[in-house]
Amino acid sequence: MDLALEAIDSRVLLYAPRDEVKHGYFGTAEVVQVKRDKHDPRFLVLSLSDVVPFRVPISPAWLREIELNDSSQSDEGEFYRYAEGIRRLHPHTFDRIVAWGTNGSAPPEQGVADQAQTEAFGETVEERERRLRSELVRSRRLRFDVIELYGPKCACSSLIVGASDGSEHEVEVCHFMPVKLGGPDNVENAFPLTRTLHFAYDRGLFTVRPSRKILFSSEATSDLKWLFRGNTHARFPADGSARPKTEYLDFHFREIFRGR
């Protein structure tokens, strides 16, 4: 708690990423408890209270603009070492964001800053919306391709959960190498898992080797193992050209799996 408060203080700003409709700083909250994320030591879990939403979100592009024009802003890079996604703001900047957000009107500079944001990210609002729609279509297409290859059955538990008429299936597309870490969005980097096993796989509680053998982390609970219903090997498609690539399976084993 002391380490976290040294980095971020007890009052924090809440932020929505740039692919959200209301992008930017959208409120403040009080930090009441800090814990290390047991699933990923790079992250801290903050418990918050006294959440105060802003009447309007404040653009981070505007923040960058005032940081560039304010020589009193201190270097913030060192504070990223505490946890990904946490950064320290100069108190003056913090106070200005809170003032603009609670007053309910965007700062005069925000229009100019939004243009700077567009240039920084290389896309307009319309281009971003098109990109997000394209990603949604691609995601649905991948789900169709994965289910066509594997069927609507979980590749590790062999469970089929869905409507009796076959119109819906609970399985989710799980990537071996996460897209956000450079993995491709294709069938060679994905297989179907139930929602619970997808959660466990993404957190390294089990992994699958190129031999199809399932390995469990020492942190995997007996309840999790029970969900596999005795299966010791995952199902891969019969089509050799669509089988998972070893490099993606190895990435998960090396970078995400939490070991034995």
Protein backbone atom coordinates (compact mmCIF):
# COMPACT_ATOMS: atom_id res chain seq x y z
CA MET A 1 0.00 0.00 0.00
CA ASP A 2 2.82 2.40 0.89
CA LEU A 3 4.61 1.64 -2.38
CA ALA A 4 1.46 2.23 -4.41
CA LEU A 5 0.63 5.46 -2.60
CA GLU A 6 4.18 6.67 -3.19
CA ALA A 7 3.53 6.22 -6.90
CA ILE A 8 -0.08 7.31 -7.30
CA ASP A 9 -1.25 9.00 -4.08
CA SER A 10 -4.59 8.16 -2.47
CA ARG A 11 -6.79 9.94 -5.01
CA VAL A 12 -6.72 8.71 -8.61
CA LEU A 13 -8.13 9.57 -12.01
CA LEU A 14 -10.12 6.93 -13.90
CA TYR A 15 -9.31 6.48 -17.57
CA ALA A 16 -11.09 4.86 -20.54
CA PRO A 17 -8.81 3.70 -23.41
CA ARG A 18 -8.96 5.25 -26.85
CA ASP A 19 -11.15 2.50 -28.36
CA GLU A 20 -13.96 3.45 -25.98
CA VAL A 21 -16.67 5.84 -27.20
CA LYS A 22 -16.14 8.18 -24.23
CA HIS A 23 -12.37 8.12 -24.34
CA GLY A 24 -10.31 9.91 -21.71
CA TYR A 25 -10.31 10.68 -18.01
CA PHE A 26 -13.88 10.13 -16.82
CA GLY A 27 -13.81 10.46 -13.03
CA THR A 28 -11.92 10.29 -9.77
CA ALA A 29 -11.88 7.79 -6.90
CA GLU A 30 -10.24 7.15 -3.54
CA VAL A 31 -7.82 4.22 -3.18
CA VAL A 32 -8.80 2.19 -0.11
CA GLN A 33 -6.79 -1.00 -0.65
CA VAL A 34 -3.94 -2.20 -2.87
CA LYS A 35 -3.04 -5.82 -3.61
CA ARG A 36 -0.66 -7.47 -6.01
CA ASP A 37 -2.49 -9.32 -8.79
CA LYS A 38 -1.86 -13.01 -7.96
CA HIS A 39 -2.42 -13.94 -11.61
CA ASP A 40 0.05 -11.43 -13.05
CA PRO A 41 2.75 -9.75 -10.93
CA ARG A 42 3.00 -6.87 -13.43
CA PHE A 43 -0.33 -5.55 -12.17
CA LEU A 44 -1.77 -4.14 -8.97
CA VAL A 45 -5.42 -4.54 -7.99
CA LEU A 46 -6.84 -1.32 -6.53
CA SER A 47 -10.02 -1.23 -4.46
CA LEU A 48 -11.73 2.12 -4.90
CA SER A 49 -14.45 4.08 -3.12
CA ASP A 50 -15.99 7.54 -3.31
CA VAL A 51 -16.11 7.40 -7.11
CA VAL A 52 -17.03 10.75 -8.67
CA PRO A 53 -17.79 10.61 -12.42
CA PHE A 54 -17.02 13.62 -14.60
CA ARG A 55 -19.77 15.34 -16.51
CA VAL A 56 -17.56 15.18 -19.61
CA PRO A 57 -14.46 13.03 -20.31
CA ILE A 58 -11.16 14.89 -20.63
CA SER A 59 -9.00 14.09 -23.63
CA PRO A 60 -5.50 12.76 -22.87
CA ALA A 61 -4.35 14.65 -25.96
CA TRP A 62 -5.20 17.86 -24.12
CA LEU A 63 -3.18 16.55 -21.17
CA ARG A 64 -0.15 16.01 -23.41
CA GLU A 65 -0.57 19.52 -24.74
CA ILE A 66 -0.42 21.17 -21.32
CA GLU A 67 2.44 18.91 -20.25
CA LEU A 68 4.45 20.08 -23.24
CA ASN A 69 3.69 23.73 -22.45
CA ASP A 70 4.32 23.45 -18.70
CA SER A 71 7.99 23.26 -17.80
CA SER A 72 7.07 22.34 -14.20
CA GLN A 73 5.91 18.86 -15.27
CA SER A 74 8.24 16.22 -13.83
CA ASP A 75 9.42 13.05 -15.56
CA GLU A 76 6.80 10.34 -15.06
CA GLY A 77 8.46 7.38 -16.73
CA GLU A 78 9.88 5.87 -13.54
CA PHE A 79 6.42 5.34 -12.09
CA TYR A 80 5.48 2.76 -14.72
CA ARG A 81 7.62 0.26 -12.84
CA TYR A 82 4.97 -0.07 -10.11
CA ALA A 83 2.32 -1.54 -12.40
CA GLU A 84 1.32 -1.32 -16.04
CA GLY A 85 -1.35 1.27 -16.70
CA ILE A 86 -0.48 3.43 -13.68
CA ARG A 87 1.26 6.76 -14.14
CA ARG A 88 1.77 9.76 -11.93
CA LEU A 89 0.50 13.22 -12.89
CA HIS A 90 1.79 16.55 -11.76
CA PRO A 91 -0.61 17.85 -9.03
CA HIS A 92 -1.35 20.95 -11.08
CA THR A 93 -2.34 18.83 -14.08
CA PHE A 94 -4.44 16.55 -11.87
CA ASP A 95 -6.34 19.49 -10.40
CA ARG A 96 -7.02 21.03 -13.81
CA ILE A 97 -8.42 17.76 -15.16
CA VAL A 98 -10.71 17.36 -12.14
CA ALA A 99 -11.89 20.97 -12.45
CA TRP A 100 -12.74 20.68 -16.14
CA GLY A 101 -14.38 17.27 -15.72
CA THR A 102 -16.61 18.25 -12.82
CA ASN A 103 -17.56 21.59 -14.38
CA GLY A 104 -19.00 19.72 -17.32
CA SER A 105 -17.44 21.63 -20.21
CA ALA A 106 -14.42 20.65 -22.25
CA PRO A 107 -11.36 22.90 -21.88
CA PRO A 108 -10.83 25.43 -24.67
CA GLU A 109 -7.66 23.68 -25.78
CA GLN A 110 -9.34 20.29 -26.10
CA GLY A 111 -10.53 20.77 -29.68
CA VAL A 112 -6.99 21.51 -30.80
CA ALA A 113 -5.66 18.67 -28.67
CA ASP A 114 -8.15 16.21 -30.16
CA GLN A 115 -6.73 17.05 -33.57
CA ALA A 116 -3.24 16.41 -32.19
CA GLN A 117 -4.49 13.08 -30.85
CA THR A 118 -5.80 12.16 -34.28
CA GLU A 119 -2.42 12.94 -35.80
CA ALA A 120 -0.58 11.08 -33.04
CA PHE A 121 -2.57 7.90 -33.56
CA GLY A 122 -2.71 8.34 -37.33
CA GLU A 123 -6.50 8.02 -37.59
CA THR A 124 -9.59 10.20 -37.39
CA VAL A 125 -12.63 9.38 -35.27
CA GLU A 126 -14.35 7.98 -38.37
CA GLU A 127 -11.29 5.89 -39.23
CA ARG A 128 -11.18 4.53 -35.68
CA GLU A 129 -14.87 3.59 -35.86
CA ARG A 130 -14.27 1.82 -39.16
CA ARG A 131 -11.29 0.01 -37.67
CA LEU A 132 -13.31 -1.16 -34.67
CA ARG A 133 -16.12 -2.37 -36.94
CA SER A 134 -13.56 -4.22 -39.06
CA GLU A 135 -12.09 -5.84 -35.94
CA LEU A 136 -15.58 -6.95 -34.88
CA VAL A 137 -16.25 -8.50 -38.29
CA ARG A 138 -12.83 -10.21 -38.23
CA SER A 139 -13.52 -11.55 -34.73
CA ARG A 140 -16.84 -13.03 -35.82
CA ARG A 141 -15.25 -14.51 -38.93
CA LEU A 142 -12.52 -16.15 -36.85
CA ARG A 143 -15.14 -17.62 -34.51
CA PHE A 144 -16.96 -19.08 -37.52
CA ASP A 145 -13.72 -20.56 -38.89
CA VAL A 146 -12.67 -22.02 -35.53
CA ILE A 147 -16.05 -23.67 -34.93
CA GLU A 148 -16.06 -24.98 -38.49
CA LEU A 149 -12.70 -26.67 -37.82
CA TYR A 150 -13.25 -27.89 -34.25
CA GLY A 151 -17.02 -28.02 -34.00
CA PRO A 152 -18.88 -26.34 -31.11
CA LYS A 153 -17.05 -28.49 -28.57
CA CYS A 154 -14.43 -27.21 -26.12
CA ALA A 155 -11.01 -28.39 -27.32
CA CYS A 156 -9.89 -29.34 -23.80
CA SER A 157 -12.99 -30.42 -21.86
CA SER A 158 -15.06 -31.74 -24.80
CA LEU A 159 -18.07 -29.94 -23.32
CA ILE A 160 -20.79 -28.56 -25.56
CA VAL A 161 -22.81 -25.81 -23.91
CA GLY A 162 -25.49 -24.09 -25.94
CA ALA A 163 -29.01 -24.01 -27.29
CA SER A 164 -30.51 -27.42 -28.05
CA ASP A 165 -31.29 -26.35 -31.61
CA GLY A 166 -27.60 -25.66 -32.26
CA SER A 167 -28.13 -21.96 -32.93
CA GLU A 168 -25.76 -20.79 -30.18
CA HIS A 169 -22.63 -22.17 -28.54
CA GLU A 170 -20.90 -21.03 -25.37
CA VAL A 171 -17.35 -21.76 -26.55
CA GLU A 172 -15.09 -18.76 -27.03
CA VAL A 173 -12.14 -18.27 -29.35
CA CYS A 174 -8.96 -18.45 -27.29
CA HIS A 175 -5.63 -17.27 -28.72
CA PHE A 176 -2.43 -19.13 -27.84
CA MET A 177 -0.34 -16.00 -28.38
CA PRO A 178 -2.47 -12.96 -27.44
CA VAL A 179 -3.19 -10.54 -30.26
CA LYS A 180 -2.15 -7.63 -28.03
CA LEU A 181 1.29 -9.26 -27.74
CA GLY A 182 1.70 -9.70 -31.48
CA GLY A 183 -0.16 -12.94 -32.12
CA PRO A 184 -2.09 -13.24 -35.40
CA ASP A 185 -5.88 -13.40 -35.54
CA ASN A 186 -6.10 -16.71 -37.42
CA VAL A 187 -7.03 -20.37 -36.88
CA GLU A 188 -3.40 -21.43 -36.42
CA ASN A 189 -3.29 -19.28 -33.27
CA ALA A 190 -6.68 -20.15 -31.79
CA PHE A 191 -8.90 -22.94 -30.51
CA PRO A 192 -12.34 -23.10 -28.83
CA LEU A 193 -12.62 -23.20 -25.05
CA THR A 194 -15.47 -22.79 -22.60
CA ARG A 195 -15.52 -19.38 -20.98
CA THR A 196 -14.07 -20.68 -17.70
CA LEU A 197 -11.20 -22.54 -19.37
CA HIS A 198 -10.52 -19.52 -21.59
CA PHE A 199 -10.14 -17.43 -18.42
CA ALA A 200 -7.78 -20.02 -16.91
CA TYR A 201 -5.70 -20.38 -20.08
CA ASP A 202 -5.21 -16.63 -20.46
CA ARG A 203 -3.94 -16.52 -16.89
CA GLY A 204 -1.47 -19.35 -17.35
CA LEU A 205 -3.18 -21.88 -15.09
CA PHE A 206 -2.74 -24.53 -17.79
CA THR A 207 -1.10 -24.80 -21.17
CA VAL A 208 -1.17 -27.12 -24.20
CA ARG A 209 1.98 -28.46 -25.82
CA PRO A 210 2.47 -29.22 -29.53
CA SER A 211 1.94 -32.91 -28.67
CA ARG A 212 -1.56 -31.83 -27.49
CA LYS A 213 -0.67 -32.73 -23.90
CA ILE A 214 -2.32 -30.53 -21.27
CA LEU A 215 -0.04 -29.28 -18.47
CA PHE A 216 -1.39 -27.71 -15.28
CA SER A 217 0.20 -24.95 -13.26
CA SER A 218 0.96 -25.66 -9.61
CA GLU A 219 -1.59 -22.92 -8.93
CA ALA A 220 -4.41 -24.78 -10.72
CA THR A 221 -7.12 -25.82 -8.27
CA SER A 222 -8.75 -29.24 -8.10
CA ASP A 223 -12.01 -27.59 -9.23
CA LEU A 224 -10.32 -26.33 -12.39
CA LYS A 225 -8.81 -29.74 -13.16
CA TRP A 226 -12.22 -31.35 -12.63
CA LEU A 227 -13.60 -29.27 -15.51
CA PHE A 228 -11.36 -31.18 -17.93
CA ARG A 229 -13.33 -34.37 -17.19
CA GLY A 230 -10.23 -36.54 -17.24
CA ASN A 231 -8.93 -35.28 -20.60
CA THR A 232 -5.14 -35.23 -20.71
CA HIS A 233 -4.80 -34.03 -24.31
CA ALA A 234 -6.46 -31.25 -26.27
CA ARG A 235 -8.22 -31.82 -29.59
CA PHE A 236 -6.59 -30.33 -32.68
CA PRO A 237 -8.19 -30.25 -36.15
CA ALA A 238 -7.56 -33.14 -38.50
CA ASP A 239 -6.58 -30.68 -41.22
CA GLY A 240 -2.81 -30.41 -40.78
CA SER A 241 -2.66 -26.98 -42.44
CA ALA A 242 -4.96 -25.56 -39.76
CA ARG A 243 -3.29 -27.15 -36.72
CA PRO A 244 -1.90 -24.76 -34.08
CA LYS A 245 1.59 -23.53 -34.88
CA THR A 246 4.30 -24.67 -32.50
CA GLU A 247 5.69 -21.14 -32.16
CA TYR A 248 2.37 -19.87 -30.75
CA LEU A 249 1.99 -22.78 -28.35
CA ASP A 250 5.59 -22.31 -27.23
CA PHE A 251 4.97 -18.61 -26.64
CA HIS A 252 2.15 -19.40 -24.24
CA PHE A 253 4.25 -22.07 -22.48
CA ARG A 254 7.24 -19.73 -22.17
CA GLU A 255 5.61 -16.35 -21.49
CA ILE A 256 2.20 -16.98 -19.91
CA PHE A 257 2.08 -20.45 -18.35
CA ARG A 258 2.73 -20.17 -14.63
CA GLY A 259 4.83 -23.33 -14.42
CA ARG A 260 4.56 -26.46 -12.37
